[in-house]
Amino acid sequence: MKKLEIYILDTSAILSGKPLDFEDMQIVTTQGVSDELKPGGRDYQNFQFLREKGLVILAPSLKAMAKIKEIAVETGDIDRLSNTDLEILSLAYELKKDDKNSVILTDDFSIQNVAEYLKIRYEGINQSKITKKFKWTCRCQGCGKKFEDNIKVCPICGAETKKIVSSEENVNQRM
């Protein structure tokens, strides 16, 4: 028997307005996504429609959130991810650990980048999926020193730092 597929919706999946086929799938999201949608308007109505059709709001554990933050720091994506993004990744991480057949629906490249490092499945909605995964580092715009840690101001010369790609790798289009 085929495992039920679980789709984890990021805010971009709801904002896209694209129809979702509910047959043989469960759709879930987090409270953070719900909080990003303000009452009124087409997007909120679409969200309410999805809730009526079975969209479930789940909360990831604090342990999963801590793990995702650790990985996001490692990849350098931590500043690019909102708390809601971290919730989505944490929920996907937990479902994967529980051997659930889950897929994140998102156009957010930082979510996709972290998901790629964790071997979590994801799909784009309005955009193609990432083709490369990156690790980011900080480089001083003044003296050029590179820092593995997320440093905003260079301790050597006092100039601001900028995020740069420290390594990249082609993504295996397995997902």
C-alpha atoms as a PDB file:
ATOM      1  CA  MET A   1       0.000   0.000   0.000  1.00  0.00           C
ATOM      2  CA  LYS A   2       1.312   3.443  -0.970  1.00  0.00           C
ATOM      3  CA  LYS A   3       2.198   5.775   1.894  1.00  0.00           C
ATOM      4  CA  LEU A   4       0.039   8.871   2.237  1.00  0.00           C
ATOM      5  CA  GLU A   5       1.978  11.868   0.964  1.00  0.00           C
ATOM      6  CA  ILE A   6       2.138  14.844   3.329  1.00  0.00           C
ATOM      7  CA  TYR A   7       2.590  18.287   1.809  1.00  0.00           C
ATOM      8  CA  ILE A   8       3.944  20.972   4.116  1.00  0.00           C
ATOM      9  CA  LEU A   9       2.784  24.371   2.888  1.00  0.00           C
ATOM     10  CA  ASP A  10       4.964  27.425   3.214  1.00  0.00           C
ATOM     11  CA  THR A  11       3.267  30.818   2.977  1.00  0.00           C
ATOM     12  CA  SER A  12       4.336  31.077  -0.678  1.00  0.00           C
ATOM     13  CA  ALA A  13       2.326  27.918  -1.477  1.00  0.00           C
ATOM     14  CA  ILE A  14      -0.821  29.540  -0.122  1.00  0.00           C
ATOM     15  CA  LEU A  15      -0.115  32.929  -1.710  1.00  0.00           C
ATOM     16  CA  SER A  16       0.385  31.268  -5.098  1.00  0.00           C
ATOM     17  CA  GLY A  17      -3.332  30.471  -5.240  1.00  0.00           C
ATOM     18  CA  LYS A  18      -2.523  27.353  -7.228  1.00  0.00           C
ATOM     19  CA  PRO A  19      -5.024  24.538  -6.778  1.00  0.00           C
ATOM     20  CA  LEU A  20      -3.895  21.505  -4.789  1.00  0.00           C
ATOM     21  CA  ASP A  21      -5.143  18.006  -5.506  1.00  0.00           C
ATOM     22  CA  PHE A  22      -6.249  16.603  -2.153  1.00  0.00           C
ATOM     23  CA  GLU A  23      -6.570  13.022  -3.334  1.00  0.00           C
ATOM     24  CA  ASP A  24      -4.009  10.714  -1.665  1.00  0.00           C
ATOM     25  CA  MET A  25      -2.407  13.583   0.230  1.00  0.00           C
ATOM     26  CA  GLN A  26      -2.547  15.343   3.539  1.00  0.00           C
ATOM     27  CA  ILE A  27      -1.689  19.034   3.763  1.00  0.00           C
ATOM     28  CA  VAL A  28      -0.187  20.626   6.846  1.00  0.00           C
ATOM     29  CA  THR A  29       1.374  23.925   7.825  1.00  0.00           C
ATOM     30  CA  THR A  30       2.474  25.743  10.969  1.00  0.00           C
ATOM     31  CA  GLN A  31       0.964  28.451  13.141  1.00  0.00           C
ATOM     32  CA  GLY A  32       3.567  30.869  11.790  1.00  0.00           C
ATOM     33  CA  VAL A  33       2.127  30.514   8.286  1.00  0.00           C
ATOM     34  CA  SER A  34      -1.374  31.073   9.643  1.00  0.00           C
ATOM     35  CA  ASP A  35      -0.173  34.201  11.481  1.00  0.00           C
ATOM     36  CA  GLU A  36       1.323  35.633   8.261  1.00  0.00           C
ATOM     37  CA  LEU A  37      -2.092  35.663   6.578  1.00  0.00           C
ATOM     38  CA  LYS A  38      -4.243  38.557   7.735  1.00  0.00           C
ATOM     39  CA  PRO A  39      -8.050  38.232   7.693  1.00  0.00           C
ATOM     40  CA  GLY A  40      -9.716  39.503   4.543  1.00  0.00           C
ATOM     41  CA  GLY A  41      -8.653  39.330   0.940  1.00  0.00           C
ATOM     42  CA  ARG A  42      -8.124  36.514  -1.528  1.00  0.00           C
ATOM     43  CA  ASP A  43      -5.099  34.948   0.211  1.00  0.00           C
ATOM     44  CA  TYR A  44      -6.880  34.634   3.533  1.00  0.00           C
ATOM     45  CA  GLN A  45      -9.955  33.203   1.814  1.00  0.00           C
ATOM     46  CA  ASN A  46      -7.753  30.668   0.012  1.00  0.00           C
ATOM     47  CA  PHE A  47      -6.218  29.715   3.376  1.00  0.00           C
ATOM     48  CA  GLN A  48      -9.674  29.273   4.926  1.00  0.00           C
ATOM     49  CA  PHE A  49     -10.727  27.131   1.958  1.00  0.00           C
ATOM     50  CA  LEU A  50      -7.664  24.924   2.478  1.00  0.00           C
ATOM     51  CA  ARG A  51      -8.535  24.608   6.191  1.00  0.00           C
ATOM     52  CA  GLU A  52     -12.059  23.509   5.279  1.00  0.00           C
ATOM     53  CA  LYS A  53     -10.605  20.931   2.881  1.00  0.00           C
ATOM     54  CA  GLY A  54      -8.419  19.449   5.622  1.00  0.00           C
ATOM     55  CA  LEU A  55      -5.324  21.639   6.068  1.00  0.00           C
ATOM     56  CA  VAL A  56      -3.958  20.861   9.534  1.00  0.00           C
ATOM     57  CA  ILE A  57      -1.830  23.251  11.601  1.00  0.00           C
ATOM     58  CA  LEU A  58       0.979  21.437  13.412  1.00  0.00           C
ATOM     59  CA  ALA A  59       3.694  22.677  15.748  1.00  0.00           C
ATOM     60  CA  PRO A  60       7.239  21.333  15.548  1.00  0.00           C
ATOM     61  CA  SER A  61       9.056  20.419  18.747  1.00  0.00           C
ATOM     62  CA  LEU A  62      11.591  22.731  20.351  1.00  0.00           C
ATOM     63  CA  LYS A  63      14.202  20.020  19.809  1.00  0.00           C
ATOM     64  CA  ALA A  64      13.540  20.011  16.047  1.00  0.00           C
ATOM     65  CA  MET A  65      13.646  23.835  15.984  1.00  0.00           C
ATOM     66  CA  ALA A  66      17.037  23.771  17.718  1.00  0.00           C
ATOM     67  CA  LYS A  67      18.379  21.239  15.200  1.00  0.00           C
ATOM     68  CA  ILE A  68      17.172  23.292  12.222  1.00  0.00           C
ATOM     69  CA  LYS A  69      18.694  26.477  13.657  1.00  0.00           C
ATOM     70  CA  GLU A  70      21.982  24.596  14.080  1.00  0.00           C
ATOM     71  CA  ILE A  71      21.936  23.444  10.440  1.00  0.00           C
ATOM     72  CA  ALA A  72      20.899  26.915   9.213  1.00  0.00           C
ATOM     73  CA  VAL A  73      23.863  28.427  11.058  1.00  0.00           C
ATOM     74  CA  GLU A  74      26.108  25.785   9.494  1.00  0.00           C
ATOM     75  CA  THR A  75      24.874  26.564   5.956  1.00  0.00           C
ATOM     76  CA  GLY A  76      24.869  30.315   6.606  1.00  0.00           C
ATOM     77  CA  ASP A  77      21.142  30.629   5.879  1.00  0.00           C
ATOM     78  CA  ILE A  78      20.123  31.575   9.431  1.00  0.00           C
ATOM     79  CA  ASP A  79      19.750  35.307   8.649  1.00  0.00           C
ATOM     80  CA  ARG A  80      17.742  34.523   5.532  1.00  0.00           C
ATOM     81  CA  LEU A  81      15.137  32.409   7.345  1.00  0.00           C
ATOM     82  CA  SER A  82      12.204  33.781   9.307  1.00  0.00           C
ATOM     83  CA  ASN A  83      10.861  32.012  12.372  1.00  0.00           C
ATOM     84  CA  THR A  84       8.032  30.702  10.174  1.00  0.00           C
ATOM     85  CA  ASP A  85      10.595  29.300   7.713  1.00  0.00           C
ATOM     86  CA  LEU A  86      12.364  27.574  10.619  1.00  0.00           C
ATOM     87  CA  GLU A  87       9.007  26.107  11.753  1.00  0.00           C
ATOM     88  CA  ILE A  88       8.333  24.712   8.258  1.00  0.00           C
ATOM     89  CA  LEU A  89      11.786  23.103   8.093  1.00  0.00           C
ATOM     90  CA  SER A  90      11.473  21.762  11.654  1.00  0.00           C
ATOM     91  CA  LEU A  91       8.107  20.193  10.921  1.00  0.00           C
ATOM     92  CA  ALA A  92       9.496  18.579   7.757  1.00  0.00           C
ATOM     93  CA  TYR A  93      12.520  17.338   9.721  1.00  0.00           C
ATOM     94  CA  GLU A  94      10.271  15.714  12.329  1.00  0.00           C
ATOM     95  CA  LEU A  95       8.030  14.084   9.739  1.00  0.00           C
ATOM     96  CA  LYS A  96      11.092  12.725   7.922  1.00  0.00           C
ATOM     97  CA  LYS A  97      12.441  11.324  11.201  1.00  0.00           C
ATOM     98  CA  ASP A  98       9.071   9.641  11.734  1.00  0.00           C
ATOM     99  CA  ASP A  99       9.457   8.063   8.279  1.00  0.00           C
ATOM    100  CA  LYS A 100       6.581  10.034   6.808  1.00  0.00           C
ATOM    101  CA  ASN A 101       6.458  10.645   3.065  1.00  0.00           C
ATOM    102  CA  SER A 102       6.566  14.451   3.201  1.00  0.00           C
ATOM    103  CA  VAL A 103       7.351  17.284   0.774  1.00  0.00           C
ATOM    104  CA  ILE A 104       7.745  21.004   1.491  1.00  0.00           C
ATOM    105  CA  LEU A 105       5.969  23.224  -1.041  1.00  0.00           C
ATOM    106  CA  THR A 106       7.918  26.496  -1.209  1.00  0.00           C
ATOM    107  CA  ASP A 107       9.561  28.973  -3.534  1.00  0.00           C
ATOM    108  CA  ASP A 108      11.924  30.137  -0.779  1.00  0.00           C
ATOM    109  CA  PHE A 109      15.465  29.278  -1.899  1.00  0.00           C
ATOM    110  CA  SER A 110      16.869  29.367   1.644  1.00  0.00           C
ATOM    111  CA  ILE A 111      14.266  26.842   2.812  1.00  0.00           C
ATOM    112  CA  GLN A 112      15.156  24.688  -0.189  1.00  0.00           C
ATOM    113  CA  ASN A 113      18.883  25.057   0.525  1.00  0.00           C
ATOM    114  CA  VAL A 114      18.564  23.867   4.144  1.00  0.00           C
ATOM    115  CA  ALA A 115      16.138  21.121   3.067  1.00  0.00           C
ATOM    116  CA  GLU A 116      18.702  19.931   0.524  1.00  0.00           C
ATOM    117  CA  TYR A 117      21.372  19.608   3.231  1.00  0.00           C
ATOM    118  CA  LEU A 118      18.945  17.583   5.363  1.00  0.00           C
ATOM    119  CA  LYS A 119      17.758  15.476   2.389  1.00  0.00           C
ATOM    120  CA  ILE A 120      14.189  16.683   2.915  1.00  0.00           C
ATOM    121  CA  ARG A 121      12.047  16.633  -0.208  1.00  0.00           C
ATOM    122  CA  TYR A 122      10.727  19.942  -1.554  1.00  0.00           C
ATOM    123  CA  GLU A 123       8.962  21.302  -4.605  1.00  0.00           C
ATOM    124  CA  GLY A 124       8.744  24.800  -6.045  1.00  0.00           C
ATOM    125  CA  ILE A 125       5.380  26.353  -6.789  1.00  0.00           C
ATOM    126  CA  ASN A 126       5.863  29.288  -9.169  1.00  0.00           C
ATOM    127  CA  GLN A 127       9.626  28.946  -9.578  1.00  0.00           C
ATOM    128  CA  SER A 128      11.971  26.119 -10.425  1.00  0.00           C
ATOM    129  CA  LYS A 129      13.727  24.368  -7.562  1.00  0.00           C
ATOM    130  CA  ILE A 130      17.299  25.277  -6.699  1.00  0.00           C
ATOM    131  CA  THR A 131      19.983  23.714  -8.886  1.00  0.00           C
ATOM    132  CA  LYS A 132      22.872  24.304  -6.480  1.00  0.00           C
ATOM    133  CA  LYS A 133      23.138  24.172  -2.728  1.00  0.00           C
ATOM    134  CA  PHE A 134      25.275  26.784  -1.035  1.00  0.00           C
ATOM    135  CA  LYS A 135      27.187  27.371   2.133  1.00  0.00           C
ATOM    136  CA  TRP A 136      27.493  31.026   3.019  1.00  0.00           C
ATOM    137  CA  THR A 137      30.187  32.890   4.921  1.00  0.00           C
ATOM    138  CA  CYS A 138      30.845  36.522   5.816  1.00  0.00           C
ATOM    139  CA  ARG A 139      33.582  38.617   4.176  1.00  0.00           C
ATOM    140  CA  CYS A 140      34.669  42.040   5.333  1.00  0.00           C
ATOM    141  CA  GLN A 141      33.994  44.690   2.701  1.00  0.00           C
ATOM    142  CA  GLY A 142      37.006  46.654   3.998  1.00  0.00           C
ATOM    143  CA  CYS A 143      39.930  44.285   4.557  1.00  0.00           C
ATOM    144  CA  GLY A 144      38.533  41.195   2.812  1.00  0.00           C
ATOM    145  CA  LYS A 145      38.886  38.846   5.812  1.00  0.00           C
ATOM    146  CA  LYS A 146      36.490  35.902   5.737  1.00  0.00           C
ATOM    147  CA  PHE A 147      34.601  34.750   8.833  1.00  0.00           C
ATOM    148  CA  GLU A 148      32.857  31.422   9.337  1.00  0.00           C
ATOM    149  CA  ASP A 149      30.711  32.938  12.092  1.00  0.00           C
ATOM    150  CA  ASN A 150      27.876  35.302  11.302  1.00  0.00           C
ATOM    151  CA  ILE A 151      29.656  38.594  11.989  1.00  0.00           C
ATOM    152  CA  LYS A 152      28.082  41.883  10.924  1.00  0.00           C
ATOM    153  CA  VAL A 153      31.063  44.161  11.660  1.00  0.00           C
ATOM    154  CA  CYS A 154      34.686  43.171  11.113  1.00  0.00           C
ATOM    155  CA  PRO A 155      36.583  43.018  14.422  1.00  0.00           C
ATOM    156  CA  ILE A 156      39.814  43.846  12.566  1.00  0.00           C
ATOM    157  CA  CYS A 157      38.961  47.006  10.615  1.00  0.00           C
ATOM    158  CA  GLY A 158      35.396  47.860  11.681  1.00  0.00           C
ATOM    159  CA  ALA A 159      33.852  47.662   8.205  1.00  0.00           C
ATOM    160  CA  GLU A 160      30.567  45.873   7.538  1.00  0.00           C
ATOM    161  CA  THR A 161      30.636  42.300   6.330  1.00  0.00           C
ATOM    162  CA  LYS A 162      28.714  40.823   3.442  1.00  0.00           C
ATOM    163  CA  LYS A 163      27.431  37.262   2.916  1.00  0.00           C
ATOM    164  CA  ILE A 164      29.244  35.444   0.120  1.00  0.00           C
ATOM    165  CA  VAL A 165      29.114  31.881  -1.173  1.00  0.00           C
ATOM    166  CA  SER A 166      31.918  29.857   0.407  1.00  0.00           C
ATOM    167  CA  SER A 167      31.031  26.606  -1.368  1.00  0.00           C
ATOM    168  CA  GLU A 168      28.473  25.353  -3.823  1.00  0.00           C
ATOM    169  CA  GLU A 169      27.476  21.971  -5.062  1.00  0.00           C
ATOM    170  CA  ASN A 170      25.119  20.870  -7.812  1.00  0.00           C
ATOM    171  CA  VAL A 171      21.839  19.547  -6.498  1.00  0.00           C
ATOM    172  CA  ASN A 172      20.972  15.996  -7.388  1.00  0.00           C
ATOM    173  CA  GLN A 173      17.530  16.380  -8.955  1.00  0.00           C
ATOM    174  CA  ARG A 174      16.295  13.325  -7.013  1.00  0.00           C
ATOM    175  CA  MET A 175      13.380  15.121  -5.495  1.00  0.00           C
END
